[in-house]
């Protein structure tokens, strides 16, 4: 009888949860359709004034959408120009995007939405201050953000604590160069902190974030390799050995470096060898011959 009562309570609980999750079922898709149209109009606008005006409308509409109950669970996956990524621990998600201006530069926009379950919206707007940040190595916050379009979040654990997150991002720069960044995100009560001296290696003491700059005509790998337990990236070098400070002449030299998490720090590993491309299911695989359980590297 007790088991039967438990099952009844479980079913009722699940029904209650599903009803909450389905509140306003048509509201968020409608918001998404509106946002998608505005986003396309931003890209197709013929002047910076039009682009920024339309983007302002996009921001206001997005905030209204996020105020909808249970918006955190809505993926916004039809917004092709917007990156929406959740932290693996489901603590928050980051929405980020950019507007390319007529002179070939970029402005970045974004927000961190905390997972408050069914509670009120808790949102940190990200205000791009790239032009006003004289030293790109300084610690900043969400009001003074070194803008980027993020595409991956790696939580770094140390013991039983979760001290920070590694963000991998793309940062279009000028008509000549592109940048990618390894940004460090942490939370101190209600404060957002970008940057931290967690990098260890040659010439990396005091480094709060990694910024890679290279020729716009080239591409650069910056990703996690789950099999190796590394954040891997192309080693950049000048195409002309005599030109060492003009990044429009920089590109991959065919070798790779990486960062390995050791003791809560990102330890530089130089000239590493990459095997096959990582697969999302690699960490779930255990070799029966070795009788070894799979180990999560991050």
Protein backbone atom coordinates (compact mmCIF):
# COMPACT_ATOMS: atom_id res chain seq x y z
CA UNK A 1 0.00 0.00 0.00
CA UNK A 2 2.81 2.41 0.90
CA UNK A 3 4.52 1.65 -2.41
CA UNK A 4 1.25 2.34 -4.25
CA UNK A 5 0.80 5.66 -2.42
CA UNK A 6 4.38 6.62 -3.24
CA UNK A 7 3.77 5.98 -6.96
CA UNK A 8 0.59 8.09 -6.86
CA UNK A 9 2.46 10.98 -5.26
CA UNK A 10 5.28 10.61 -7.80
CA UNK A 11 2.86 10.73 -10.74
CA UNK A 12 1.07 13.74 -9.30
CA UNK A 13 4.39 15.46 -8.72
CA UNK A 14 5.48 14.85 -12.30
CA UNK A 15 2.15 16.11 -13.64
CA UNK A 16 2.50 19.25 -11.55
CA UNK A 17 6.03 19.78 -12.85
CA UNK A 18 4.94 19.29 -16.47
CA UNK A 19 2.06 21.73 -16.04
CA UNK A 20 4.46 24.38 -14.74
CA UNK A 21 6.87 23.73 -17.59
CA UNK A 22 4.04 24.16 -20.08
CA UNK A 23 2.83 27.53 -18.79
CA UNK A 24 2.43 30.00 -21.64
CA UNK A 25 3.33 27.29 -24.20
CA UNK A 26 2.80 29.58 -27.17
CA UNK A 27 4.37 32.73 -25.79
CA UNK A 28 8.07 31.91 -26.11
CA UNK A 29 7.83 30.52 -29.67
CA UNK A 30 6.08 33.75 -30.69
CA UNK A 31 8.86 35.76 -29.06
CA UNK A 32 11.40 33.60 -30.87
CA UNK A 33 9.78 34.22 -34.26
CA UNK A 34 9.83 37.97 -33.61
CA UNK A 35 13.47 37.85 -32.50
CA UNK A 36 14.42 35.82 -35.56
CA UNK A 37 12.88 38.40 -37.90
CA UNK A 38 14.60 41.28 -36.12
CA UNK A 39 17.94 39.44 -36.22
CA UNK A 40 17.67 38.94 -40.00
CA UNK A 41 16.81 42.62 -40.41
CA UNK A 42 19.90 43.60 -38.39
CA UNK A 43 22.14 41.61 -40.72
CA UNK A 44 20.48 43.03 -43.84
CA UNK A 45 20.41 46.65 -42.66
CA UNK A 46 22.39 48.98 -44.92
CA UNK A 47 23.75 51.41 -42.32
CA UNK A 48 25.19 51.30 -38.81
CA UNK A 49 22.39 53.52 -37.56
CA UNK A 50 19.77 51.04 -38.78
CA UNK A 51 21.69 48.04 -37.45
CA UNK A 52 22.12 49.49 -33.96
CA UNK A 53 18.53 50.71 -33.81
CA UNK A 54 17.19 47.29 -34.80
CA UNK A 55 19.59 45.58 -32.41
CA UNK A 56 18.27 47.79 -29.60
CA UNK A 57 14.79 46.51 -30.45
CA UNK A 58 16.15 42.97 -30.41
CA UNK A 59 17.61 43.45 -26.91
CA UNK A 60 14.32 44.82 -25.51
CA UNK A 61 12.33 41.97 -27.04
CA UNK A 62 14.77 39.37 -25.74
CA UNK A 63 14.55 40.71 -22.18
CA UNK A 64 10.75 40.59 -22.37
CA UNK A 65 10.96 37.00 -23.60
CA UNK A 66 13.28 36.00 -20.76
CA UNK A 67 10.80 37.40 -18.25
CA UNK A 68 8.38 34.66 -19.27
CA UNK A 69 8.09 31.96 -16.57
CA UNK A 70 10.41 28.98 -17.18
CA UNK A 71 12.21 30.80 -20.02
CA UNK A 72 15.51 29.20 -18.95
CA UNK A 73 14.31 25.87 -20.36
CA UNK A 74 13.46 27.37 -23.76
CA UNK A 75 16.42 26.83 -26.16
CA UNK A 76 15.91 29.73 -28.60
CA UNK A 77 17.47 27.40 -31.15
CA UNK A 78 15.92 29.16 -34.14
CA UNK A 79 18.07 32.24 -33.54
CA UNK A 80 20.91 31.25 -35.84
CA UNK A 81 22.97 34.40 -35.25
CA UNK A 82 22.79 34.08 -31.47
CA UNK A 83 24.94 31.71 -29.44
CA UNK A 84 23.02 30.16 -26.53
CA UNK A 85 25.13 27.85 -24.36
CA UNK A 86 24.44 26.40 -20.92
CA UNK A 87 27.03 25.61 -18.28
CA UNK A 88 27.39 21.83 -17.87
CA UNK A 89 26.26 22.13 -14.24
CA UNK A 90 23.08 23.94 -15.39
CA UNK A 91 23.84 26.92 -13.13
CA UNK A 92 23.46 29.50 -15.92
CA UNK A 93 23.49 30.09 -19.63
CA UNK A 94 25.09 32.76 -21.79
CA UNK A 95 23.43 34.37 -24.79
CA UNK A 96 25.92 36.28 -26.94
CA UNK A 97 26.06 37.78 -30.41
CA UNK A 98 27.64 40.56 -32.43
CA UNK A 99 26.80 43.30 -34.89
CA UNK A 100 29.30 43.87 -37.68
CA UNK A 101 29.71 47.56 -38.53
CA UNK A 102 30.42 49.19 -41.89
CA UNK A 103 34.11 49.74 -41.09
CA UNK A 104 34.68 46.01 -40.52
CA UNK A 105 34.70 46.16 -36.71
CA UNK A 106 32.27 44.46 -34.35
CA UNK A 107 30.14 45.26 -31.33
CA UNK A 108 29.22 42.49 -28.96
CA UNK A 109 26.07 41.94 -26.95
CA UNK A 110 25.04 39.35 -24.43
CA UNK A 111 23.56 38.34 -21.11
CA UNK A 112 24.05 35.72 -18.42
CA UNK A 113 20.78 34.14 -17.35
CA UNK A 114 20.95 32.33 -14.03
CA UNK A 115 18.95 29.15 -13.57
CA UNK A 116 16.46 30.21 -10.91
CA UNK A 117 14.15 27.25 -11.55
CA UNK A 118 10.66 28.74 -11.23
CA UNK A 119 11.86 31.91 -9.53
CA UNK A 120 12.06 35.43 -10.93
CA UNK A 121 14.40 36.29 -13.78
CA UNK A 122 18.00 36.87 -12.71
CA UNK A 123 19.88 38.38 -15.61
CA UNK A 124 23.30 39.98 -15.91
CA UNK A 125 23.54 42.16 -19.05
CA UNK A 126 26.94 42.07 -20.75
CA UNK A 127 28.07 45.54 -21.83
CA UNK A 128 30.86 45.48 -24.43
CA UNK A 129 33.55 47.96 -23.44
CA UNK A 130 36.34 46.64 -25.66
CA UNK A 131 37.12 50.10 -27.04
CA UNK A 132 37.43 51.53 -23.53
CA UNK A 133 39.57 48.78 -22.05
CA UNK A 134 43.12 50.06 -22.33
CA UNK A 135 44.67 46.95 -20.81
CA UNK A 136 42.94 43.80 -22.08
CA UNK A 137 44.46 41.81 -19.20
CA UNK A 138 42.59 43.59 -16.40
CA UNK A 139 39.84 42.02 -14.34
CA UNK A 140 36.44 43.23 -15.49
CA UNK A 141 32.74 42.66 -14.79
CA UNK A 142 29.53 42.39 -16.78
CA UNK A 143 29.31 46.18 -17.05
CA UNK A 144 32.83 46.35 -18.50
CA UNK A 145 32.95 43.28 -20.71
CA UNK A 146 35.65 42.28 -23.17
CA UNK A 147 33.02 41.23 -25.70
CA UNK A 148 32.99 37.92 -27.57
CA UNK A 149 30.58 35.37 -29.00
CA UNK A 150 31.02 32.36 -26.74
CA UNK A 151 30.60 28.82 -27.99
CA UNK A 152 31.81 26.59 -25.15
CA UNK A 153 31.80 26.58 -21.34
CA UNK A 154 34.15 24.42 -19.27
CA UNK A 155 33.60 24.27 -15.48
CA UNK A 156 36.82 23.92 -13.50
CA UNK A 157 36.46 22.07 -10.22
CA UNK A 158 38.93 21.99 -7.37
CA UNK A 159 38.01 19.61 -4.57
CA UNK A 160 34.33 20.08 -3.78
CA UNK A 161 34.26 23.71 -4.94
CA UNK A 162 33.48 25.17 -8.35
CA UNK A 163 35.82 28.17 -8.42
CA UNK A 164 35.41 29.27 -12.04
CA UNK A 165 34.36 28.59 -15.61
CA UNK A 166 36.44 28.74 -18.79
CA UNK A 167 34.68 30.39 -21.72
CA UNK A 168 35.88 29.88 -25.29
CA UNK A 169 34.87 32.66 -27.63
CA UNK A 170 35.19 34.11 -31.12
CA UNK A 171 35.98 37.80 -31.40
CA UNK A 172 35.94 39.31 -34.85
CA UNK A 173 38.20 42.32 -34.66
CA UNK A 174 38.92 44.42 -37.75
CA UNK A 175 39.10 44.09 -41.53
CA UNK A 176 42.62 42.72 -41.05
CA UNK A 177 42.53 40.41 -38.02
CA UNK A 178 40.30 38.09 -36.01
CA UNK A 179 40.63 37.15 -32.35
CA UNK A 180 39.68 34.21 -30.18
CA UNK A 181 39.64 34.32 -26.40
CA UNK A 182 39.89 32.07 -23.40
CA UNK A 183 37.92 34.01 -20.81
CA UNK A 184 37.59 33.18 -17.13
CA UNK A 185 34.21 33.66 -15.47
CA UNK A 186 33.47 33.48 -11.76
CA UNK A 187 30.73 34.64 -9.42
CA UNK A 188 31.20 36.37 -6.07
CA UNK A 189 27.77 36.52 -4.47
CA UNK A 190 25.83 38.80 -6.86
CA UNK A 191 28.92 39.99 -8.72
CA UNK A 192 30.21 38.72 -12.06
CA UNK A 193 33.98 38.65 -12.49
CA UNK A 194 35.77 38.18 -15.80
CA UNK A 195 39.43 37.21 -15.72
CA UNK A 196 41.61 35.41 -13.19
CA UNK A 197 45.33 34.51 -12.93
CA UNK A 198 44.79 30.79 -13.45
CA UNK A 199 47.18 30.27 -16.37
CA UNK A 200 50.53 28.61 -15.72
CA UNK A 201 53.40 28.35 -18.18
CA UNK A 202 56.17 30.23 -19.90
CA UNK A 203 55.46 33.99 -19.87
CA UNK A 204 51.95 33.44 -18.48
CA UNK A 205 52.43 34.66 -14.91
CA UNK A 206 49.72 37.20 -14.06
CA UNK A 207 47.74 36.43 -17.21
CA UNK A 208 44.01 36.86 -16.55
CA UNK A 209 42.71 35.86 -19.99
CA UNK A 210 44.20 34.55 -23.22
CA UNK A 211 43.71 36.53 -26.43
CA UNK A 212 44.79 35.12 -29.77
CA UNK A 213 44.99 37.41 -32.80
CA UNK A 214 45.62 36.27 -36.36
CA UNK A 215 45.05 37.14 -40.01
CA UNK A 216 41.37 37.42 -40.94
CA UNK A 217 41.92 35.20 -43.98
CA UNK A 218 42.96 32.32 -41.72
CA UNK A 219 41.19 30.06 -39.25
CA UNK A 220 42.21 29.00 -35.75
CA UNK A 221 41.28 25.94 -33.72
CA UNK A 222 40.30 26.59 -30.11
CA UNK A 223 38.26 23.81 -28.53
CA UNK A 224 38.18 21.16 -25.84
CA UNK A 225 39.52 17.67 -26.51
CA UNK A 226 37.58 15.42 -24.14
CA UNK A 227 39.79 12.39 -24.83
CA UNK A 228 42.96 14.23 -23.91
CA UNK A 229 41.37 16.34 -21.18
CA UNK A 230 42.79 19.47 -22.79
CA UNK A 231 41.76 22.84 -24.15
CA UNK A 232 43.65 22.74 -27.45
CA UNK A 233 44.55 25.53 -29.84
CA UNK A 234 46.67 26.23 -32.89
CA UNK A 235 50.10 27.64 -32.23
CA UNK A 236 50.17 30.98 -34.03
CA UNK A 237 53.28 32.35 -35.69
CA UNK A 238 54.17 35.05 -38.20
CA UNK A 239 54.32 34.02 -41.86
CA UNK A 240 57.45 36.18 -42.08
CA UNK A 241 60.02 35.56 -39.29
CA UNK A 242 61.11 39.19 -39.49
CA UNK A 243 57.57 40.49 -38.79
CA UNK A 244 56.71 39.67 -35.20
CA UNK A 245 54.27 42.37 -34.08
CA UNK A 246 51.79 42.64 -36.96
CA UNK A 247 49.03 40.12 -36.35
CA UNK A 248 47.63 40.40 -39.87
CA UNK A 249 50.64 38.22 -40.80
CA UNK A 250 49.94 35.57 -38.15
CA UNK A 251 48.41 32.15 -38.64
CA UNK A 252 48.75 28.53 -37.55
CA UNK A 253 52.18 26.98 -38.03
CA UNK A 254 50.69 23.46 -38.07
CA UNK A 255 51.43 22.64 -34.42
CA UNK A 256 49.16 22.64 -31.38
CA UNK A 257 49.42 23.73 -27.78
CA UNK A 258 46.94 23.22 -24.98
CA UNK A 259 45.94 23.82 -21.40
CA UNK A 260 45.50 20.93 -18.99
CA UNK A 261 43.64 21.35 -15.71
CA UNK A 262 46.06 20.59 -12.89
CA UNK A 263 45.22 21.55 -9.33
CA UNK A 264 42.54 23.98 -10.44
CA UNK A 265 44.97 25.81 -12.74
CA UNK A 266 45.36 25.79 -16.53
CA UNK A 267 48.85 24.40 -17.16
CA UNK A 268 50.31 25.08 -20.61
CA UNK A 269 51.24 22.00 -22.67
CA UNK A 270 53.33 22.82 -25.72
CA UNK A 271 53.62 20.99 -29.04
CA UNK A 272 50.96 18.39 -28.31
CA UNK A 273 49.80 15.66 -30.69
CA UNK A 274 46.11 15.44 -31.53
CA UNK A 275 44.45 12.15 -32.42
CA UNK A 276 41.00 11.73 -33.94
CA UNK A 277 38.45 14.50 -33.51
CA UNK A 278 36.74 14.26 -30.11
CA UNK A 279 33.23 12.85 -29.96
CA UNK A 280 30.56 13.75 -27.43
CA UNK A 281 30.26 10.09 -26.43
CA UNK A 282 33.97 9.44 -25.93
CA UNK A 283 33.82 10.03 -22.20
CA UNK A 284 31.08 7.40 -21.91
CA UNK A 285 33.24 4.68 -23.44
CA UNK A 286 35.10 2.17 -21.28
CA UNK A 287 37.57 -0.27 -22.80
CA UNK A 288 36.39 -3.76 -21.72
CA UNK A 289 39.89 -5.18 -22.29
CA UNK A 290 41.32 -2.84 -19.69
CA UNK A 291 38.33 -3.11 -17.33
CA UNK A 292 38.62 0.61 -16.68
CA UNK A 293 35.64 2.86 -16.07
CA UNK A 294 35.34 6.05 -18.14
CA UNK A 295 36.74 9.14 -16.47
CA UNK A 296 35.31 12.62 -17.01
CA UNK A 297 38.27 14.85 -17.80
CA UNK A 298 36.56 18.20 -17.08
